[in-house]
C-alpha atoms as a PDB file:
ATOM      1  CA  MET A   1      34.762  14.377  -3.065  1.00  0.00           C
ATOM      2  CA  ILE A   2      32.184  13.288  -5.184  1.00  0.00           C
ATOM      3  CA  SER A   3      31.789   9.243  -6.043  1.00  0.00           C
ATOM      4  CA  ILE A   4      29.457   9.305  -9.699  1.00  0.00           C
ATOM      5  CA  ILE A   5      27.914   6.002 -10.185  1.00  0.00           C
ATOM      6  CA  LEU A   6      26.918   4.987 -13.324  1.00  0.00           C
ATOM      7  CA  PRO A   7      25.524   2.091 -13.578  1.00  0.00           C
ATOM      8  CA  TYR A   8      24.949   1.459 -17.119  1.00  0.00           C
ATOM      9  CA  TYR A   9      27.286   2.122 -19.986  1.00  0.00           C
ATOM     10  CA  ASN A  10      27.158   5.678 -21.386  1.00  0.00           C
ATOM     11  CA  PRO A  11      30.329   7.025 -23.068  1.00  0.00           C
ATOM     12  CA  LYS A  12      28.166  10.382 -23.944  1.00  0.00           C
ATOM     13  CA  MET A  13      27.448  10.566 -19.829  1.00  0.00           C
ATOM     14  CA  LEU A  14      31.007  10.033 -19.047  1.00  0.00           C
ATOM     15  CA  ASP A  15      32.304  12.519 -21.590  1.00  0.00           C
ATOM     16  CA  ARG A  16      29.778  15.346 -20.318  1.00  0.00           C
ATOM     17  CA  LEU A  17      31.248  14.822 -16.300  1.00  0.00           C
ATOM     18  CA  LYS A  18      34.741  16.135 -18.016  1.00  0.00           C
ATOM     19  CA  GLU A  19      33.160  19.829 -17.401  1.00  0.00           C
ATOM     20  CA  LEU A  20      32.132  19.216 -13.917  1.00  0.00           C
ATOM     21  CA  GLU A  21      35.362  21.285 -12.142  1.00  0.00           C
ATOM     22  CA  VAL A  22      35.433  18.750  -8.906  1.00  0.00           C
ATOM     23  CA  GLU A  23      36.782  16.581  -6.664  1.00  0.00           C
ATOM     24  CA  LYS A  24      35.040  13.270  -8.069  1.00  0.00           C
ATOM     25  CA  GLU A  25      35.675   9.856  -8.476  1.00  0.00           C
ATOM     26  CA  ILE A  26      33.812   8.120 -11.110  1.00  0.00           C
ATOM     27  CA  ILE A  27      32.354   4.016 -10.337  1.00  0.00           C
ATOM     28  CA  VAL A  28      31.636   2.133 -13.433  1.00  0.00           C
ATOM     29  CA  PRO A  29      31.158  -1.737 -14.476  1.00  0.00           C
ATOM     30  CA  GLU A  30      34.161  -3.004 -15.820  1.00  0.00           C
ATOM     31  CA  VAL A  31      32.178  -5.516 -18.138  1.00  0.00           C
ATOM     32  CA  ALA A  32      30.064  -2.576 -19.523  1.00  0.00           C
ATOM     33  CA  TYR A  33      33.757  -0.082 -19.659  1.00  0.00           C
ATOM     34  CA  LYS A  34      36.198  -3.109 -19.816  1.00  0.00           C
ATOM     35  CA  HIS A  35      37.629  -1.201 -23.471  1.00  0.00           C
ATOM     36  CA  TYR A  36      36.945   2.153 -22.782  1.00  0.00           C
ATOM     37  CA  SER A  37      39.275   4.659 -21.795  1.00  0.00           C
ATOM     38  CA  ASN A  38      39.905   8.578 -21.875  1.00  0.00           C
ATOM     39  CA  ASN A  39      41.226  10.780 -19.999  1.00  0.00           C
ATOM     40  CA  ILE A  40      38.986  11.026 -16.927  1.00  0.00           C
ATOM     41  CA  ASN A  41      39.893   8.959 -14.119  1.00  0.00           C
ATOM     42  CA  ILE A  42      37.276   5.831 -13.501  1.00  0.00           C
ATOM     43  CA  LYS A  43      36.939   3.139 -11.271  1.00  0.00           C
ATOM     44  CA  LYS A  44      35.838  -0.370 -12.855  1.00  0.00           C
ATOM     45  CA  ILE A  45      34.607  -1.925 -10.239  1.00  0.00           C
ATOM     46  CA  LYS A  46      34.188  -6.157 -11.343  1.00  0.00           C
ATOM     47  CA  ALA A  47      30.355  -7.639 -10.791  1.00  0.00           C
ATOM     48  CA  GLU A  48      28.618 -10.669 -12.042  1.00  0.00           C
ATOM     49  CA  ASN A  49      25.395  -8.554 -12.084  1.00  0.00           C
ATOM     50  CA  PHE A  50      23.988  -5.274 -11.661  1.00  0.00           C
ATOM     51  CA  GLU A  51      22.874  -5.694  -7.748  1.00  0.00           C
ATOM     52  CA  GLU A  52      26.492  -7.406  -7.071  1.00  0.00           C
ATOM     53  CA  PHE A  53      27.868  -3.577  -9.225  1.00  0.00           C
ATOM     54  CA  ILE A  54      25.469  -1.343  -6.812  1.00  0.00           C
ATOM     55  CA  GLU A  55      26.416  -3.538  -3.961  1.00  0.00           C
ATOM     56  CA  LYS A  56      30.331  -2.936  -4.219  1.00  0.00           C
ATOM     57  CA  SER A  57      29.976   0.610  -5.578  1.00  0.00           C
ATOM     58  CA  PHE A  58      28.136   2.299  -2.567  1.00  0.00           C
ATOM     59  CA  LYS A  59      31.002   0.359  -0.011  1.00  0.00           C
ATOM     60  CA  ASN A  60      33.706   1.409  -1.884  1.00  0.00           C
ATOM     61  CA  CYS A  61      32.896   4.738  -2.892  1.00  0.00           C
ATOM     62  CA  ASN A  62      35.322   7.379  -0.837  1.00  0.00           C
ATOM     63  CA  GLY A  63      33.213  10.386  -1.186  1.00  0.00           C
ATOM     64  CA  ASP A  64      30.770  11.864   1.484  1.00  0.00           C
ATOM     65  CA  GLU A  65      28.391  12.409  -1.014  1.00  0.00           C
ATOM     66  CA  ILE A  66      27.130  10.062  -3.830  1.00  0.00           C
ATOM     67  CA  LEU A  67      25.831  10.851  -7.439  1.00  0.00           C
ATOM     68  CA  PHE A  68      23.544   8.181  -9.137  1.00  0.00           C
ATOM     69  CA  LEU A  69      23.737   8.516 -12.710  1.00  0.00           C
ATOM     70  CA  GLY A  70      21.475   6.025 -14.172  1.00  0.00           C
ATOM     71  CA  GLY A  71      20.325   7.302 -17.010  1.00  0.00           C
ATOM     72  CA  GLU A  72      20.999  10.238 -19.174  1.00  0.00           C
ATOM     73  CA  THR A  73      20.545  13.946 -18.877  1.00  0.00           C
ATOM     74  CA  GLU A  74      22.474  17.610 -19.301  1.00  0.00           C
ATOM     75  CA  ILE A  75      25.126  18.209 -17.495  1.00  0.00           C
ATOM     76  CA  GLU A  76      23.642  21.274 -16.024  1.00  0.00           C
ATOM     77  CA  ALA A  77      21.057  19.648 -14.362  1.00  0.00           C
ATOM     78  CA  VAL A  78      23.745  17.824 -12.664  1.00  0.00           C
ATOM     79  CA  LYS A  79      25.749  20.964 -11.649  1.00  0.00           C
ATOM     80  CA  LYS A  80      22.371  22.306 -10.081  1.00  0.00           C
ATOM     81  CA  MET A  81      22.298  19.076  -8.094  1.00  0.00           C
ATOM     82  CA  ILE A  82      25.703  19.068  -6.640  1.00  0.00           C
ATOM     83  CA  SER A  83      25.039  22.999  -5.310  1.00  0.00           C
ATOM     84  CA  LYS A  84      21.495  22.100  -3.806  1.00  0.00           C
ATOM     85  CA  ILE A  85      23.358  19.074  -2.327  1.00  0.00           C
ATOM     86  CA  LYS A  86      25.402  21.099   0.254  1.00  0.00           C
ATOM     87  CA  ASP A  87      22.133  21.976   2.221  1.00  0.00           C
ATOM     88  CA  ALA A  88      20.409  18.680   1.695  1.00  0.00           C
ATOM     89  CA  ASP A  89      20.485  14.646   2.155  1.00  0.00           C
ATOM     90  CA  ILE A  90      19.016  14.212  -1.058  1.00  0.00           C
ATOM     91  CA  VAL A  91      18.815  15.840  -4.439  1.00  0.00           C
ATOM     92  CA  TYR A  92      16.999  14.134  -7.383  1.00  0.00           C
ATOM     93  CA  LEU A  93      16.054  15.261 -10.473  1.00  0.00           C
ATOM     94  CA  ASN A  94      12.184  15.514 -11.407  1.00  0.00           C
ATOM     95  CA  ARG A  95      12.099  14.030 -14.895  1.00  0.00           C
ATOM     96  CA  LYS A  96       8.984  15.980 -17.054  1.00  0.00           C
ATOM     97  CA  LYS A  97       8.110  12.974 -18.585  1.00  0.00           C
ATOM     98  CA  ARG A  98       6.961  10.064 -16.145  1.00  0.00           C
ATOM     99  CA  SER A  99       4.385   7.476 -15.252  1.00  0.00           C
ATOM    100  CA  LEU A 100       1.472   9.235 -13.345  1.00  0.00           C
ATOM    101  CA  LEU A 101       0.344   5.467 -12.425  1.00  0.00           C
ATOM    102  CA  ALA A 102       3.471   4.121 -11.464  1.00  0.00           C
ATOM    103  CA  LYS A 103       4.145   7.490  -9.096  1.00  0.00           C
ATOM    104  CA  PHE A 104       0.170   6.944  -7.419  1.00  0.00           C
ATOM    105  CA  PHE A 105       1.054   3.014  -6.417  1.00  0.00           C
ATOM    106  CA  ILE A 106       4.261   4.402  -5.435  1.00  0.00           C
ATOM    107  CA  HIS A 107       2.549   6.756  -2.963  1.00  0.00           C
ATOM    108  CA  LEU A 108      -0.096   4.520  -2.079  1.00  0.00           C
ATOM    109  CA  MET A 109       2.550   2.000  -0.894  1.00  0.00           C
ATOM    110  CA  LEU A 110       5.188   3.796   0.363  1.00  0.00           C
ATOM    111  CA  PRO A 111       4.121   7.082   2.058  1.00  0.00           C
ATOM    112  CA  LYS A 112       7.074   8.458   2.798  1.00  0.00           C
ATOM    113  CA  SER A 113       7.687   8.574  -1.631  1.00  0.00           C
ATOM    114  CA  ARG A 114       4.593  11.291  -1.139  1.00  0.00           C
ATOM    115  CA  TYR A 115       7.439  14.025  -0.360  1.00  0.00           C
ATOM    116  CA  PHE A 116       9.305  12.652  -3.843  1.00  0.00           C
ATOM    117  CA  SER A 117       7.143  14.229  -6.734  1.00  0.00           C
ATOM    118  CA  ASP A 118       8.901  11.559  -8.945  1.00  0.00           C
ATOM    119  CA  PRO A 119      10.461   8.618  -6.656  1.00  0.00           C
ATOM    120  CA  LEU A 120      11.170   6.734  -9.415  1.00  0.00           C
ATOM    121  CA  THR A 121      13.786   8.863 -11.133  1.00  0.00           C
ATOM    122  CA  GLN A 122      17.284   7.457 -11.872  1.00  0.00           C
ATOM    123  CA  ILE A 123      18.910  10.400 -11.116  1.00  0.00           C
ATOM    124  CA  PHE A 124      20.196  11.439  -8.145  1.00  0.00           C
ATOM    125  CA  MET A 125      22.250  12.359  -5.569  1.00  0.00           C
ATOM    126  CA  ILE A 126      22.395  11.925  -1.550  1.00  0.00           C
ATOM    127  CA  LYS A 127      25.031  12.025   1.522  1.00  0.00           C
ATOM    128  CA  LYS A 128      26.593   9.182   2.114  1.00  0.00           C
ATOM    129  CA  SER A 129      25.289   9.534   5.857  1.00  0.00           C
ATOM    130  CA  VAL A 130      21.966   8.873   4.667  1.00  0.00           C
ATOM    131  CA  ILE A 131      22.773   4.863   3.960  1.00  0.00           C
ATOM    132  CA  GLU A 132      25.101   4.566   6.023  1.00  0.00           C
ATOM    133  CA  LYS A 133      23.180   2.494   8.856  1.00  0.00           C
ATOM    134  CA  ILE A 134      20.952   0.966   6.763  1.00  0.00           C
ATOM    135  CA  ASP A 135      21.206  -2.593   4.950  1.00  0.00           C
ATOM    136  CA  MET A 136      20.251  -1.531   1.361  1.00  0.00           C
ATOM    137  CA  GLN A 137      19.192  -4.039  -1.064  1.00  0.00           C
ATOM    138  CA  PRO A 138      20.992  -3.560  -3.926  1.00  0.00           C
ATOM    139  CA  VAL A 139      17.606  -2.670  -6.646  1.00  0.00           C
ATOM    140  CA  GLU A 140      17.514  -0.974 -10.433  1.00  0.00           C
ATOM    141  CA  LYS A 141      14.852   1.508  -8.858  1.00  0.00           C
ATOM    142  CA  LEU A 142      17.279   2.568  -5.730  1.00  0.00           C
ATOM    143  CA  LEU A 143      15.764   5.772  -4.685  1.00  0.00           C
ATOM    144  CA  ILE A 144      12.543   3.543  -3.925  1.00  0.00           C
ATOM    145  CA  GLU A 145      14.767   1.525  -1.170  1.00  0.00           C
ATOM    146  CA  ILE A 146      16.516   4.732   0.319  1.00  0.00           C
ATOM    147  CA  ILE A 147      13.338   6.757   0.725  1.00  0.00           C
ATOM    148  CA  ALA A 148      12.098   3.968   2.795  1.00  0.00           C
ATOM    149  CA  LYS A 149      14.869   2.851   4.649  1.00  0.00           C
ATOM    150  CA  GLY A 150      17.550   5.792   4.776  1.00  0.00           C
ATOM    151  CA  ASP A 151      18.499   8.552   7.383  1.00  0.00           C
ATOM    152  CA  TYR A 152      17.454  11.800   5.652  1.00  0.00           C
ATOM    153  CA  LYS A 153      15.508  15.715   6.510  1.00  0.00           C
ATOM    154  CA  ARG A 154      16.085  17.488   3.851  1.00  0.00           C
ATOM    155  CA  ILE A 155      15.050  17.141   0.081  1.00  0.00           C
ATOM    156  CA  ARG A 156      15.382  18.708  -2.604  1.00  0.00           C
ATOM    157  CA  GLU A 157      14.586  17.995  -6.490  1.00  0.00           C
ATOM    158  CA  VAL A 158      16.073  20.017  -9.703  1.00  0.00           C
ATOM    159  CA  LYS A 159      13.351  19.679 -12.937  1.00  0.00           C
ATOM    160  CA  HIS A 160      14.687  18.763 -15.797  1.00  0.00           C
ATOM    161  CA  ASP A 161      14.321  16.307 -18.718  1.00  0.00           C
ATOM    162  CA  ALA A 162      15.882  12.937 -18.730  1.00  0.00           C
ATOM    163  CA  GLU A 163      16.282   9.181 -20.187  1.00  0.00           C
ATOM    164  CA  VAL A 164      16.176   6.925 -17.213  1.00  0.00           C
ATOM    165  CA  LYS A 165      16.837   3.134 -17.912  1.00  0.00           C
ATOM    166  CA  PHE A 166      14.879   0.720 -16.774  1.00  0.00           C
ATOM    167  CA  ASN A 167      13.869  -3.211 -17.610  1.00  0.00           C
ATOM    168  CA  LYS A 168      10.702  -3.210 -17.115  1.00  0.00           C
ATOM    169  CA  ASP A 169      10.331  -5.999 -14.966  1.00  0.00           C
ATOM    170  CA  TYR A 170       7.087  -5.327 -13.332  1.00  0.00           C
ATOM    171  CA  LYS A 171       6.321  -8.682 -11.983  1.00  0.00           C
ATOM    172  CA  ASN A 172       9.615  -8.646  -9.861  1.00  0.00           C
ATOM    173  CA  TYR A 173       9.793  -5.152  -9.766  1.00  0.00           C
ATOM    174  CA  SER A 174       5.791  -5.432  -8.366  1.00  0.00           C
ATOM    175  CA  LYS A 175       6.816  -7.950  -5.827  1.00  0.00           C
ATOM    176  CA  TYR A 176       9.549  -5.654  -4.112  1.00  0.00           C
ATOM    177  CA  ILE A 177       7.370  -3.068  -3.823  1.00  0.00           C
ATOM    178  CA  PHE A 178       4.489  -5.308  -1.537  1.00  0.00           C
ATOM    179  CA  GLY A 179       7.714  -7.347   0.259  1.00  0.00           C
ATOM    180  CA  LEU A 180       9.031  -3.520   0.892  1.00  0.00           C
ATOM    181  CA  ALA A 181       5.651  -1.752   1.463  1.00  0.00           C
ATOM    182  CA  TRP A 182       4.789  -4.896   4.088  1.00  0.00           C
ATOM    183  CA  LYS A 183       8.178  -4.696   5.935  1.00  0.00           C
ATOM    184  CA  GLN A 184       7.474  -1.018   6.395  1.00  0.00           C
ATOM    185  CA  GLY A 185       4.159  -2.009   7.670  1.00  0.00           C
ATOM    186  CA  GLU A 186       1.632  -0.006   4.820  1.00  0.00           C
ATOM    187  CA  LEU A 187      -0.051  -3.777   3.641  1.00  0.00           C
ATOM    188  CA  PHE A 188      -0.676  -4.522   7.696  1.00  0.00           C
ATOM    189  CA  ARG A 189      -1.952  -1.176   7.896  1.00  0.00           C
ATOM    190  CA  PHE A 190      -4.800  -1.852   5.133  1.00  0.00           C
ATOM    191  CA  ILE A 191      -5.786  -5.465   6.811  1.00  0.00           C
ATOM    192  CA  LYS A 192      -6.226  -3.194  10.242  1.00  0.00           C
ATOM    193  CA  PHE A 193      -8.261  -0.585   8.150  1.00  0.00           C
ATOM    194  CA  GLY A 194     -10.485  -3.747   6.911  1.00  0.00           C
ATOM    195  CA  ILE A 195     -10.864  -5.491  10.139  1.00  0.00           C
ATOM    196  CA  VAL A 196     -12.074  -1.404  11.750  1.00  0.00           C
ATOM    197  CA  GLY A 197     -14.321  -1.618   8.854  1.00  0.00           C
ATOM    198  CA  GLY A 198     -15.873  -4.906   9.412  1.00  0.00           C
ATOM    199  CA  THR A 199     -16.366  -4.127  12.978  1.00  0.00           C
ATOM    200  CA  SER A 200     -18.022  -1.012  12.488  1.00  0.00           C
ATOM    201  CA  VAL A 201     -20.638  -2.896  10.586  1.00  0.00           C
ATOM    202  CA  ILE A 202     -21.520  -5.188  13.090  1.00  0.00           C
ATOM    203  CA  ILE A 203     -21.577  -1.924  15.145  1.00  0.00           C
ATOM    204  CA  ASN A 204     -24.041  -0.407  13.082  1.00  0.00           C
ATOM    205  CA  GLU A 205     -26.081  -3.347  13.220  1.00  0.00           C
ATOM    206  CA  LEU A 206     -26.168  -3.793  17.041  1.00  0.00           C
ATOM    207  CA  ILE A 207     -27.391   0.414  17.057  1.00  0.00           C
ATOM    208  CA  LEU A 208     -30.530  -0.148  14.618  1.00  0.00           C
ATOM    209  CA  TRP A 209     -31.659  -3.621  16.604  1.00  0.00           C
ATOM    210  CA  ALA A 210     -31.285  -1.157  20.090  1.00  0.00           C
ATOM    211  CA  LEU A 211     -32.905   1.362  18.998  1.00  0.00           C
ATOM    212  CA  LEU A 212     -35.725   0.301  16.261  1.00  0.00           C
ATOM    213  CA  PRO A 213     -38.325   1.327  19.247  1.00  0.00           C
ATOM    214  CA  PHE A 214     -37.563   4.623  18.539  1.00  0.00           C
ATOM    215  CA  GLY A 215     -38.569   4.685  14.804  1.00  0.00           C
ATOM    216  CA  VAL A 216     -36.577   3.080  12.031  1.00  0.00           C
ATOM    217  CA  LEU A 217     -34.927   7.143  10.750  1.00  0.00           C
ATOM    218  CA  PHE A 218     -33.450   7.779  14.586  1.00  0.00           C
ATOM    219  CA  ALA A 219     -32.343   4.559  14.802  1.00  0.00           C
ATOM    220  CA  GLY A 220     -30.929   4.403  10.916  1.00  0.00           C
ATOM    221  CA  PHE A 221     -29.388   7.659  11.758  1.00  0.00           C
ATOM    222  CA  MET A 222     -28.162   6.516  15.170  1.00  0.00           C
ATOM    223  CA  ALA A 223     -26.813   3.383  13.294  1.00  0.00           C
ATOM    224  CA  ILE A 224     -24.369   5.259  10.747  1.00  0.00           C
ATOM    225  CA  GLU A 225     -23.068   7.857  12.832  1.00  0.00           C
ATOM    226  CA  GLY A 226     -21.710   5.541  15.400  1.00  0.00           C
ATOM    227  CA  SER A 227     -20.429   3.267  13.582  1.00  0.00           C
ATOM    228  CA  ILE A 228     -18.578   5.807  11.871  1.00  0.00           C
ATOM    229  CA  LEU A 229     -17.319   7.551  15.225  1.00  0.00           C
ATOM    230  CA  PHE A 230     -15.856   3.772  16.009  1.00  0.00           C
ATOM    231  CA  ALA A 231     -14.454   3.642  12.921  1.00  0.00           C
ATOM    232  CA  PHE A 232     -12.718   7.238  13.022  1.00  0.00           C
ATOM    233  CA  VAL A 233     -12.029   6.777  16.817  1.00  0.00           C
ATOM    234  CA  ALA A 234     -10.480   3.302  16.249  1.00  0.00           C
ATOM    235  CA  ASN A 235      -8.826   4.085  12.585  1.00  0.00           C
ATOM    236  CA  ASP A 236      -7.231   7.110  14.513  1.00  0.00           C
ATOM    237  CA  LEU A 237      -5.358   5.183  18.111  1.00  0.00           C
ATOM    238  CA  TRP A 238      -4.925   2.111  15.377  1.00  0.00           C
ATOM    239  CA  THR A 239      -4.788   2.025  11.906  1.00  0.00           C
ATOM    240  CA  PHE A 240      -2.625   5.096  11.789  1.00  0.00           C
ATOM    241  CA  ARG A 241      -1.972   5.908  15.072  1.00  0.00           C
ATOM    242  CA  ASP A 242       1.281   6.632  13.410  1.00  0.00           C
ATOM    243  CA  ARG A 243      -0.236  10.146  12.040  1.00  0.00           C
ATOM    244  CA  GLY A 244      -1.545  13.256  12.972  1.00  0.00           C
ATOM    245  CA  SER A 245      -1.741  15.412  16.268  1.00  0.00           C
ATOM    246  CA  LYS A 246      -3.392  14.102  18.407  1.00  0.00           C
ATOM    247  CA  LYS A 247      -4.404  17.723  19.925  1.00  0.00           C
ATOM    248  CA  PRO A 248      -8.276  18.316  20.410  1.00  0.00           C
ATOM    249  CA  ILE A 249      -8.569  20.605  16.940  1.00  0.00           C
ATOM    250  CA  PRO A 250      -6.592  18.463  14.977  1.00  0.00           C
ATOM    251  CA  PHE A 251      -9.068  15.370  16.393  1.00  0.00           C
ATOM    252  CA  ILE A 252     -11.914  17.123  15.701  1.00  0.00           C
ATOM    253  CA  LYS A 253     -11.135  18.500  12.002  1.00  0.00           C
ATOM    254  CA  ARG A 254      -9.767  15.259  10.794  1.00  0.00           C
ATOM    255  CA  MET A 255     -12.999  13.231  12.587  1.00  0.00           C
ATOM    256  CA  VAL A 256     -14.934  16.175  10.154  1.00  0.00           C
ATOM    257  CA  LYS A 257     -13.444  15.279   7.123  1.00  0.00           C
ATOM    258  CA  TYR A 258     -13.818  11.473   7.922  1.00  0.00           C
ATOM    259  CA  ASN A 259     -17.890  11.951   8.282  1.00  0.00           C
ATOM    260  CA  MET A 260     -17.801  13.799   4.723  1.00  0.00           C
ATOM    261  CA  PHE A 261     -15.725  11.108   3.199  1.00  0.00           C
ATOM    262  CA  SER A 262     -17.933   7.891   4.626  1.00  0.00           C
ATOM    263  CA  LEU A 263     -20.921  10.077   3.167  1.00  0.00           C
ATOM    264  CA  VAL A 264     -19.620   9.946  -0.243  1.00  0.00           C
ATOM    265  CA  ALA A 265     -18.620   6.475   0.290  1.00  0.00           C
ATOM    266  CA  LEU A 266     -22.069   5.889   1.094  1.00  0.00           C
ATOM    267  CA  ILE A 267     -23.697   8.024  -2.064  1.00  0.00           C
ATOM    268  CA  ILE A 268     -20.595   5.894  -3.992  1.00  0.00           C
ATOM    269  CA  ASN A 269     -23.072   2.458  -2.818  1.00  0.00           C
ATOM    270  CA  LEU A 270     -25.598   3.377  -3.641  1.00  0.00           C
ATOM    271  CA  ALA A 271     -24.327   4.887  -7.146  1.00  0.00           C
ATOM    272  CA  VAL A 272     -22.937   0.966  -7.394  1.00  0.00           C
ATOM    273  CA  LEU A 273     -25.379  -1.107  -6.362  1.00  0.00           C
ATOM    274  CA  LEU A 274     -28.691   1.293  -8.395  1.00  0.00           C
ATOM    275  CA  PHE A 275     -26.457   1.357 -11.498  1.00  0.00           C
ATOM    276  CA  LEU A 276     -25.470  -3.098 -11.786  1.00  0.00           C
ATOM    277  CA  VAL A 277     -29.154  -3.455 -10.749  1.00  0.00           C
ATOM    278  CA  LYS A 278     -30.698  -1.292 -13.611  1.00  0.00           C
ATOM    279  CA  ALA A 279     -27.945  -1.583 -16.318  1.00  0.00           C
ATOM    280  CA  PHE A 280     -27.355  -4.921 -15.988  1.00  0.00           C
ATOM    281  CA  SER A 281     -29.790  -6.563 -14.182  1.00  0.00           C
ATOM    282  CA  ILE A 282     -27.790  -7.910 -11.345  1.00  0.00           C
ATOM    283  CA  HIS A 283     -29.460  -9.126  -8.499  1.00  0.00           C
ATOM    284  CA  PRO A 284     -29.031  -6.458  -5.367  1.00  0.00           C
ATOM    285  CA  LEU A 285     -27.280  -8.234  -2.880  1.00  0.00           C
ATOM    286  CA  LEU A 286     -24.671  -9.396  -5.507  1.00  0.00           C
ATOM    287  CA  ALA A 287     -24.771  -5.896  -6.735  1.00  0.00           C
ATOM    288  CA  ASN A 288     -24.350  -4.144  -3.301  1.00  0.00           C
ATOM    289  CA  ILE A 289     -21.086  -6.186  -2.160  1.00  0.00           C
ATOM    290  CA  ALA A 290     -19.568  -4.503  -5.621  1.00  0.00           C
ATOM    291  CA  GLY A 291     -21.010  -1.050  -4.636  1.00  0.00           C
ATOM    292  CA  MET A 292     -19.247  -1.899  -1.090  1.00  0.00           C
ATOM    293  CA  ALA A 293     -16.416  -2.318  -2.257  1.00  0.00           C
ATOM    294  CA  CYS A 294     -16.090   0.380  -4.628  1.00  0.00           C
ATOM    295  CA  ALA A 295     -17.114   2.509  -1.176  1.00  0.00           C
ATOM    296  CA  PHE A 296     -14.269   0.898   0.652  1.00  0.00           C
ATOM    297  CA  ILE A 297     -11.734   1.656  -1.328  1.00  0.00           C
ATOM    298  CA  TRP A 298     -12.177   4.831  -1.461  1.00  0.00           C
ATOM    299  CA  ASN A 299     -12.377   5.645   2.192  1.00  0.00           C
ATOM    300  CA  PHE A 300      -8.691   4.125   2.394  1.00  0.00           C
ATOM    301  CA  LEU A 301      -7.368   5.939  -0.229  1.00  0.00           C
ATOM    302  CA  SER A 302      -9.200   9.255   0.415  1.00  0.00           C
ATOM    303  CA  ASN A 303      -8.475   8.178   4.369  1.00  0.00           C
ATOM    304  CA  ASN A 304      -4.943   7.452   3.777  1.00  0.00           C
ATOM    305  CA  PHE A 305      -4.260  10.608   1.289  1.00  0.00           C
ATOM    306  CA  ILE A 306      -5.818  13.530   3.620  1.00  0.00           C
ATOM    307  CA  VAL A 307      -7.917  12.434   7.066  1.00  0.00           C
ATOM    308  CA  TRP A 308      -4.460  10.671   7.996  1.00  0.00           C
ATOM    309  CA  SER A 309      -2.208  12.466   5.259  1.00  0.00           C
ATOM    310  CA  ILE A 310       1.528  12.205   6.219  1.00  0.00           C
END
């Protein structure tokens, strides 16, 4: 049996579900469908709000597979999702129209979401076993919660147009994402990356001071490379210790990539410094802080997404 959850009033989608020739139960909020009746057997859940409806729906559904329709799409897309769930844990609808900025934000905050081209879709299907052992928070963008906490391995997608609903309460939703990212350890990862970066600056100064008798050029080169190698090893063993093979060849490949991106960071730092000084007559010390900030952001993003990619 498939449990189909419609969290919003959508009679058009409900009518389309008549075409599904599968054993199913359709779960809807009582308040929205109080006066609705047709020849489809539906289960009406009494709930005070969206969160309560979601919680009760997932708790009381009888199907081994759950289809969440938080939007509207063609029935052909639904049929494709049902066919793909047989050999998958999660099947999601990959919309043609979506926010790339929102997608980037989610991919940054929750690395597991990078396996999904559209983690913010409101139309998806899961095996019930994916959520059986987790304490799931009933939020509007429910797939994000499942991606972060669920027990799954096999992911499939169906590409199709869809209209999804979202109340656009970006402030509260951003707070939810940051809270989830903290629990998943991603915000602390950013803090650890900053600690390593700050320590590498100190090491750079110490090496430079120790080797100055051998010449500024030699001392400067060794100081830069020494601090880069320190930062790489520290990040590999601490900041990103849960990512990447520790075997020699993958380790060396990451080291080479890290050196390359660190070189780009130096160029970014210098470019911002010169631009602010020349274009806006900002004091070099202040301009350099801005340059280092830009370089730090570049370093974190390039290392997070590429050097230590999931």
